[in-house]
Every structure is written in structure tokens, then in C-alpha cells.
Amino acid sequence: VQLQASGGGLVQAGGSLRLSCAASGRTFSIHSMGWFRQAPGKEREFVAAISSGGGFTYYADSVKGRFTISRDNAKNTVYLQMSSLKPEDTAVYYCAEADVGRAVLLGTEYRDWGQGTQVTVSS
């Protein structure tokens, strides 16, 4: 499967961005999706996950209430709406697809990864 993330950029603190991740290569609607991020010098961390049908979502505590994950199975695309952005949200954001339909939080449970999109939040 190929995952193409887009939508990153430079934004001021308090601003918003919407990331998109388009999937191709296998049946998108039966796989859960997730977003992860990695800041310079830090380990990759979980951001959000959504089940195959979109009915279950999970968020890292650091983004809860500010970020929203959603998906459009007709378009084979998962989104991450980011609001009230903070400088500490600066990172490369990666989308990933799991082999299961339930939403999963561990990076090791994801099979395929996108190339990442840079998000930079200035103070």
C-alpha cells in the first residue's frame, strides 16, 4: 500500500492545519489508520488513531481537544484536523495503516507508513 501525506506547513501558534493522507494499493475501508509524529531529537510518538469504520477514535493526551482524526472511506483518505497549534506540535507527521480494523495505538501494530509531512508552529 502507498500512503501519501500532505497538508503540512508553517503556521503561527494558535493557528490550524489539516493534514491528509491518501491511501492506495489495498482495501482502505477495512484497516484502521493512525497519525504519529517525530520531533527533532525525539522518538516517534502516537498522535491519533481511527478504526476502519470511523466509529472509534483515540488521541494522545497532548492533543486531545485540539486535534480531530477522521476518514472518508469513499476517498481512501484519512485526515488530521489540528487546531490551537502550539510550538511543541512542531514535528514531521506520519500517517500509517494497520493490518486490523480496530484502532491501535502502538506503532509496531502498523504495517505501512507514509513519507511524512512537516508541521512547523512558530511562537
N, C-alpha and C. Protein backbone atom coordinates (compact mmCIF):
# COMPACT_ATOMS: atom_id res chain seq x y z
N VAL A 1 0.84 -1.18 0.00
CA VAL A 1 0.00 0.00 0.00
C VAL A 1 0.88 1.24 0.00
N GLN A 2 0.40 2.27 -0.66
CA GLN A 2 1.10 3.56 -0.66
C GLN A 2 0.29 4.58 0.11
N LEU A 3 0.96 5.33 0.94
CA LEU A 3 0.32 6.37 1.74
C LEU A 3 1.00 7.69 1.42
N GLN A 4 0.22 8.66 1.01
CA GLN A 4 0.75 9.96 0.64
C GLN A 4 0.17 11.02 1.56
N ALA A 5 1.02 11.54 2.44
CA ALA A 5 0.59 12.58 3.38
C ALA A 5 0.85 13.96 2.79
N SER A 6 -0.04 14.87 3.10
CA SER A 6 0.10 16.24 2.63
C SER A 6 -0.59 17.18 3.60
N GLY A 7 -0.36 18.48 3.40
CA GLY A 7 -1.05 19.48 4.20
C GLY A 7 -0.21 20.15 5.26
N GLY A 8 1.02 19.70 5.43
CA GLY A 8 1.88 20.34 6.41
C GLY A 8 2.30 21.73 5.97
N GLY A 9 2.92 22.45 6.88
CA GLY A 9 3.38 23.79 6.55
C GLY A 9 3.78 24.55 7.78
N LEU A 10 3.96 25.84 7.59
CA LEU A 10 4.34 26.74 8.68
C LEU A 10 3.11 27.53 9.14
N VAL A 11 2.86 27.53 10.43
CA VAL A 11 1.69 28.22 10.97
C VAL A 11 2.07 28.86 12.30
N GLN A 12 1.41 29.95 12.62
CA GLN A 12 1.66 30.60 13.91
C GLN A 12 0.94 29.85 15.02
N ALA A 13 1.45 29.99 16.20
CA ALA A 13 0.81 29.40 17.37
C ALA A 13 -0.64 29.87 17.46
N GLY A 14 -1.52 28.93 17.75
CA GLY A 14 -2.94 29.23 17.80
C GLY A 14 -3.66 28.97 16.49
N GLY A 15 -2.90 28.73 15.45
CA GLY A 15 -3.47 28.50 14.14
C GLY A 15 -3.91 27.06 13.94
N SER A 16 -4.34 26.79 12.70
CA SER A 16 -4.86 25.46 12.36
C SER A 16 -4.26 24.95 11.06
N LEU A 17 -4.22 23.65 10.96
CA LEU A 17 -3.82 22.97 9.72
C LEU A 17 -4.64 21.69 9.60
N ARG A 18 -4.85 21.26 8.37
CA ARG A 18 -5.47 19.96 8.17
C ARG A 18 -4.54 19.09 7.32
N LEU A 19 -4.14 17.98 7.89
CA LEU A 19 -3.33 17.02 7.18
C LEU A 19 -4.23 16.00 6.49
N SER A 20 -3.79 15.54 5.34
CA SER A 20 -4.49 14.50 4.62
C SER A 20 -3.53 13.36 4.32
N CYS A 21 -4.08 12.18 4.20
CA CYS A 21 -3.27 11.02 3.86
C CYS A 21 -4.10 10.15 2.91
N ALA A 22 -3.66 10.08 1.67
CA ALA A 22 -4.36 9.31 0.66
C ALA A 22 -3.72 7.93 0.55
N ALA A 23 -4.55 6.90 0.57
CA ALA A 23 -4.05 5.53 0.52
C ALA A 23 -4.41 4.87 -0.79
N SER A 24 -3.54 4.01 -1.25
CA SER A 24 -3.82 3.23 -2.45
C SER A 24 -3.13 1.88 -2.32
N GLY A 25 -3.66 0.89 -3.00
CA GLY A 25 -3.00 -0.40 -3.05
C GLY A 25 -3.73 -1.54 -2.39
N ARG A 26 -4.61 -1.26 -1.44
CA ARG A 26 -5.42 -2.34 -0.87
C ARG A 26 -6.68 -1.72 -0.28
N THR A 27 -7.55 -2.57 0.19
CA THR A 27 -8.86 -2.11 0.63
C THR A 27 -8.74 -1.23 1.87
N PHE A 28 -8.92 0.06 1.65
CA PHE A 28 -8.71 1.04 2.72
C PHE A 28 -9.72 0.88 3.84
N SER A 29 -10.96 0.57 3.51
CA SER A 29 -12.05 0.64 4.47
C SER A 29 -12.02 -0.44 5.54
N ILE A 30 -11.14 -1.44 5.43
CA ILE A 30 -11.10 -2.49 6.45
C ILE A 30 -9.90 -2.34 7.38
N HIS A 31 -9.16 -1.28 7.20
CA HIS A 31 -7.95 -1.08 8.02
C HIS A 31 -8.05 0.18 8.86
N SER A 32 -7.61 0.08 10.10
CA SER A 32 -7.54 1.27 10.93
C SER A 32 -6.35 2.12 10.49
N MET A 33 -6.42 3.38 10.82
CA MET A 33 -5.39 4.34 10.42
C MET A 33 -4.93 5.13 11.64
N GLY A 34 -3.71 5.62 11.54
CA GLY A 34 -3.19 6.41 12.65
C GLY A 34 -2.28 7.52 12.16
N TRP A 35 -2.10 8.48 13.05
CA TRP A 35 -1.12 9.55 12.82
C TRP A 35 -0.10 9.51 13.94
N PHE A 36 1.14 9.65 13.58
CA PHE A 36 2.25 9.73 14.51
C PHE A 36 3.07 10.96 14.17
N ARG A 37 3.93 11.36 15.08
CA ARG A 37 4.82 12.48 14.79
C ARG A 37 6.17 12.26 15.43
N GLN A 38 7.16 12.91 14.83
CA GLN A 38 8.51 12.83 15.37
C GLN A 38 9.16 14.20 15.28
N ALA A 39 9.51 14.72 16.43
CA ALA A 39 10.21 16.00 16.52
C ALA A 39 11.71 15.75 16.49
N PRO A 40 12.49 16.75 16.10
CA PRO A 40 13.94 16.57 16.06
C PRO A 40 14.50 16.13 17.41
N GLY A 41 15.30 15.07 17.38
CA GLY A 41 15.93 14.59 18.59
C GLY A 41 15.03 13.81 19.52
N LYS A 42 13.80 13.57 19.08
CA LYS A 42 12.86 12.84 19.93
C LYS A 42 12.39 11.57 19.22
N GLU A 43 11.82 10.67 19.99
CA GLU A 43 11.29 9.45 19.42
C GLU A 43 9.93 9.72 18.79
N ARG A 44 9.58 8.88 17.87
CA ARG A 44 8.25 8.95 17.26
C ARG A 44 7.19 8.72 18.33
N GLU A 45 6.12 9.50 18.26
CA GLU A 45 5.06 9.34 19.25
C GLU A 45 3.69 9.25 18.57
N PHE A 46 2.81 8.56 19.24
CA PHE A 46 1.43 8.40 18.78
C PHE A 46 0.70 9.73 18.91
N VAL A 47 -0.13 10.03 17.90
CA VAL A 47 -0.95 11.24 17.95
C VAL A 47 -2.43 10.88 17.99
N ALA A 48 -2.89 10.08 17.02
CA ALA A 48 -4.31 9.77 16.95
C ALA A 48 -4.52 8.51 16.12
N ALA A 49 -5.63 7.83 16.36
CA ALA A 49 -5.97 6.63 15.61
C ALA A 49 -7.47 6.59 15.39
N ILE A 50 -7.85 5.92 14.32
CA ILE A 50 -9.27 5.79 13.99
C ILE A 50 -9.52 4.38 13.47
N SER A 51 -10.63 3.80 13.89
CA SER A 51 -10.97 2.45 13.46
C SER A 51 -11.37 2.44 11.98
N SER A 52 -11.51 1.25 11.44
CA SER A 52 -11.76 1.12 10.00
C SER A 52 -13.04 1.82 9.56
N GLY A 53 -14.06 1.72 10.39
CA GLY A 53 -15.33 2.36 10.03
C GLY A 53 -15.46 3.78 10.50
N GLY A 54 -14.50 4.23 11.28
CA GLY A 54 -14.51 5.60 11.78
C GLY A 54 -15.24 5.79 13.09
N GLY A 55 -15.78 4.71 13.65
CA GLY A 55 -16.59 4.86 14.84
C GLY A 55 -15.81 5.02 16.13
N PHE A 56 -14.55 4.66 16.12
CA PHE A 56 -13.73 4.75 17.33
C PHE A 56 -12.48 5.56 17.03
N THR A 57 -12.20 6.49 17.90
CA THR A 57 -11.01 7.31 17.76
C THR A 57 -10.28 7.38 19.09
N TYR A 58 -8.98 7.54 19.02
CA TYR A 58 -8.14 7.68 20.22
C TYR A 58 -7.13 8.78 19.96
N TYR A 59 -6.79 9.48 21.06
CA TYR A 59 -5.86 10.59 20.96
C TYR A 59 -4.83 10.55 22.06
N ALA A 60 -3.66 11.04 21.75
CA ALA A 60 -2.67 11.28 22.79
C ALA A 60 -3.18 12.41 23.68
N ASP A 61 -2.86 12.34 24.95
CA ASP A 61 -3.32 13.37 25.89
C ASP A 61 -2.87 14.76 25.46
N SER A 62 -1.71 14.83 24.83
CA SER A 62 -1.14 16.13 24.46
C SER A 62 -1.93 16.83 23.36
N VAL A 63 -2.76 16.09 22.62
CA VAL A 63 -3.51 16.71 21.52
C VAL A 63 -5.01 16.63 21.72
N LYS A 64 -5.44 15.94 22.75
CA LYS A 64 -6.87 15.75 22.97
C LYS A 64 -7.56 17.10 23.13
N GLY A 65 -8.67 17.25 22.41
CA GLY A 65 -9.40 18.50 22.46
C GLY A 65 -8.94 19.52 21.44
N ARG A 66 -7.80 19.28 20.82
CA ARG A 66 -7.26 20.22 19.81
C ARG A 66 -7.20 19.57 18.42
N PHE A 67 -6.96 18.28 18.37
CA PHE A 67 -6.84 17.57 17.10
C PHE A 67 -8.06 16.66 16.91
N THR A 68 -8.43 16.46 15.65
CA THR A 68 -9.52 15.55 15.31
C THR A 68 -9.11 14.68 14.12
N ILE A 69 -9.18 13.38 14.31
CA ILE A 69 -8.91 12.46 13.23
C ILE A 69 -10.24 12.02 12.61
N SER A 70 -10.25 11.90 11.31
CA SER A 70 -11.45 11.47 10.61
C SER A 70 -11.01 10.75 9.34
N ARG A 71 -11.95 10.10 8.70
CA ARG A 71 -11.64 9.40 7.48
C ARG A 71 -12.82 9.43 6.52
N ASP A 72 -12.50 9.33 5.24
CA ASP A 72 -13.51 9.23 4.20
C ASP A 72 -13.17 7.98 3.40
N ASN A 73 -13.87 6.91 3.67
CA ASN A 73 -13.53 5.64 3.02
C ASN A 73 -13.84 5.65 1.53
N ALA A 74 -14.74 6.51 1.12
CA ALA A 74 -15.04 6.62 -0.31
C ALA A 74 -13.88 7.26 -1.06
N LYS A 75 -13.09 8.05 -0.35
CA LYS A 75 -11.95 8.73 -0.96
C LYS A 75 -10.61 8.11 -0.56
N ASN A 76 -10.67 7.03 0.23
CA ASN A 76 -9.45 6.37 0.70
C ASN A 76 -8.50 7.36 1.38
N THR A 77 -9.06 8.21 2.21
CA THR A 77 -8.27 9.28 2.80
C THR A 77 -8.58 9.41 4.29
N VAL A 78 -7.53 9.65 5.05
CA VAL A 78 -7.66 9.94 6.47
C VAL A 78 -7.15 11.36 6.69
N TYR A 79 -7.77 12.05 7.64
CA TYR A 79 -7.44 13.46 7.90
C TYR A 79 -7.03 13.66 9.35
N LEU A 80 -6.28 14.69 9.57
CA LEU A 80 -5.98 15.13 10.93
C LEU A 80 -6.18 16.64 10.95
N GLN A 81 -7.27 17.06 11.56
CA GLN A 81 -7.54 18.48 11.74
C GLN A 81 -6.86 18.94 13.01
N MET A 82 -5.97 19.90 12.90
CA MET A 82 -5.19 20.37 14.04
C MET A 82 -5.54 21.83 14.30
N SER A 83 -5.95 22.10 15.51
CA SER A 83 -6.32 23.46 15.90
C SER A 83 -5.56 23.85 17.15
N SER A 84 -5.59 25.14 17.44
CA SER A 84 -4.89 25.66 18.63
C SER A 84 -3.46 25.12 18.69
N LEU A 85 -2.79 25.20 17.57
CA LEU A 85 -1.45 24.63 17.48
C LEU A 85 -0.47 25.35 18.39
N LYS A 86 0.46 24.57 18.91
CA LYS A 86 1.49 25.07 19.83
C LYS A 86 2.86 24.79 19.23
N PRO A 87 3.86 25.55 19.62
CA PRO A 87 5.21 25.28 19.10
C PRO A 87 5.66 23.84 19.36
N GLU A 88 5.21 23.25 20.45
CA GLU A 88 5.61 21.87 20.74
C GLU A 88 4.95 20.85 19.83
N ASP A 89 4.02 21.29 18.98
CA ASP A 89 3.45 20.40 17.98
C ASP A 89 4.34 20.30 16.74
N THR A 90 5.38 21.08 16.69
CA THR A 90 6.30 21.04 15.56
C THR A 90 6.93 19.66 15.44
N ALA A 91 6.80 19.06 14.27
CA ALA A 91 7.30 17.70 14.04
C ALA A 91 7.02 17.30 12.60
N VAL A 92 7.59 16.18 12.21
CA VAL A 92 7.17 15.53 10.97
C VAL A 92 6.03 14.58 11.34
N TYR A 93 4.93 14.73 10.64
CA TYR A 93 3.75 13.92 10.91
C TYR A 93 3.64 12.80 9.87
N TYR A 94 3.42 11.60 10.38
CA TYR A 94 3.32 10.41 9.53
C TYR A 94 1.95 9.78 9.68
N CYS A 95 1.38 9.35 8.57
CA CYS A 95 0.19 8.52 8.63
C CYS A 95 0.61 7.07 8.47
N ALA A 96 -0.21 6.19 9.00
CA ALA A 96 0.12 4.78 8.96
C ALA A 96 -1.16 3.95 8.89
N GLU A 97 -1.04 2.79 8.31
CA GLU A 97 -2.18 1.89 8.16
C GLU A 97 -1.88 0.57 8.87
N ALA A 98 -2.84 0.12 9.66
CA ALA A 98 -2.67 -1.12 10.40
C ALA A 98 -3.26 -2.29 9.62
N ASP A 99 -2.94 -3.49 10.09
CA ASP A 99 -3.47 -4.69 9.48
C ASP A 99 -4.82 -5.08 10.05
N VAL A 100 -5.26 -4.37 11.06
CA VAL A 100 -6.50 -4.70 11.73
C VAL A 100 -7.50 -3.56 11.58
N GLY A 101 -8.77 -3.84 11.91
CA GLY A 101 -9.78 -2.82 11.79
C GLY A 101 -9.96 -1.98 13.03
N ARG A 102 -9.59 -2.54 14.17
CA ARG A 102 -9.74 -1.78 15.42
C ARG A 102 -8.64 -0.73 15.50
N ALA A 103 -8.95 0.37 16.14
CA ALA A 103 -7.96 1.43 16.29
C ALA A 103 -6.85 0.96 17.23
N VAL A 104 -5.62 1.20 16.85
CA VAL A 104 -4.47 0.76 17.64
C VAL A 104 -3.54 1.94 17.90
N LEU A 105 -2.85 1.86 19.04
CA LEU A 105 -2.04 2.97 19.49
C LEU A 105 -0.54 2.75 19.32
N LEU A 106 -0.14 1.50 19.22
CA LEU A 106 1.29 1.21 19.16
C LEU A 106 1.79 1.25 17.73
N GLY A 107 2.91 1.91 17.53
CA GLY A 107 3.48 1.99 16.20
C GLY A 107 3.82 0.63 15.61
N THR A 108 4.15 -0.32 16.47
CA THR A 108 4.52 -1.65 15.99
C THR A 108 3.34 -2.41 15.39
N GLU A 109 2.14 -1.94 15.63
CA GLU A 109 0.96 -2.60 15.07
C GLU A 109 0.58 -2.05 13.70
N TYR A 110 1.33 -1.09 13.23
CA TYR A 110 1.06 -0.53 11.91
C TYR A 110 2.01 -1.13 10.89
N ARG A 111 1.43 -1.46 9.76
CA ARG A 111 2.20 -2.16 8.72
C ARG A 111 2.84 -1.21 7.73
N ASP A 112 2.10 -0.21 7.32
CA ASP A 112 2.58 0.67 6.26
C ASP A 112 2.59 2.12 6.73
N TRP A 113 3.59 2.86 6.26
CA TRP A 113 3.80 4.23 6.68
C TRP A 113 3.96 5.15 5.49
N GLY A 114 3.44 6.35 5.64
CA GLY A 114 3.63 7.38 4.63
C GLY A 114 4.98 8.04 4.78
N GLN A 115 5.26 8.99 3.91
CA GLN A 115 6.58 9.61 3.87
C GLN A 115 6.73 10.75 4.86
N GLY A 116 5.66 11.21 5.45
CA GLY A 116 5.73 12.29 6.42
C GLY A 116 5.53 13.66 5.80
N THR A 117 4.97 14.55 6.59
CA THR A 117 4.78 15.93 6.18
C THR A 117 5.18 16.83 7.35
N GLN A 118 5.94 17.86 7.07
CA GLN A 118 6.48 18.72 8.12
C GLN A 118 5.44 19.74 8.58
N VAL A 119 5.29 19.82 9.89
CA VAL A 119 4.46 20.85 10.51
C VAL A 119 5.35 21.68 11.41
N THR A 120 5.37 22.97 11.18
CA THR A 120 6.17 23.88 11.99
C THR A 120 5.27 24.96 12.56
N VAL A 121 5.28 25.09 13.88
CA VAL A 121 4.45 26.07 14.56
C VAL A 121 5.37 27.10 15.20
N SER A 122 5.23 28.33 14.77
CA SER A 122 6.07 29.40 15.29
C SER A 122 5.38 30.09 16.47
N SER A 123 6.21 30.57 17.39
CA SER A 123 5.65 31.21 18.59
C SER A 123 5.47 32.71 18.38
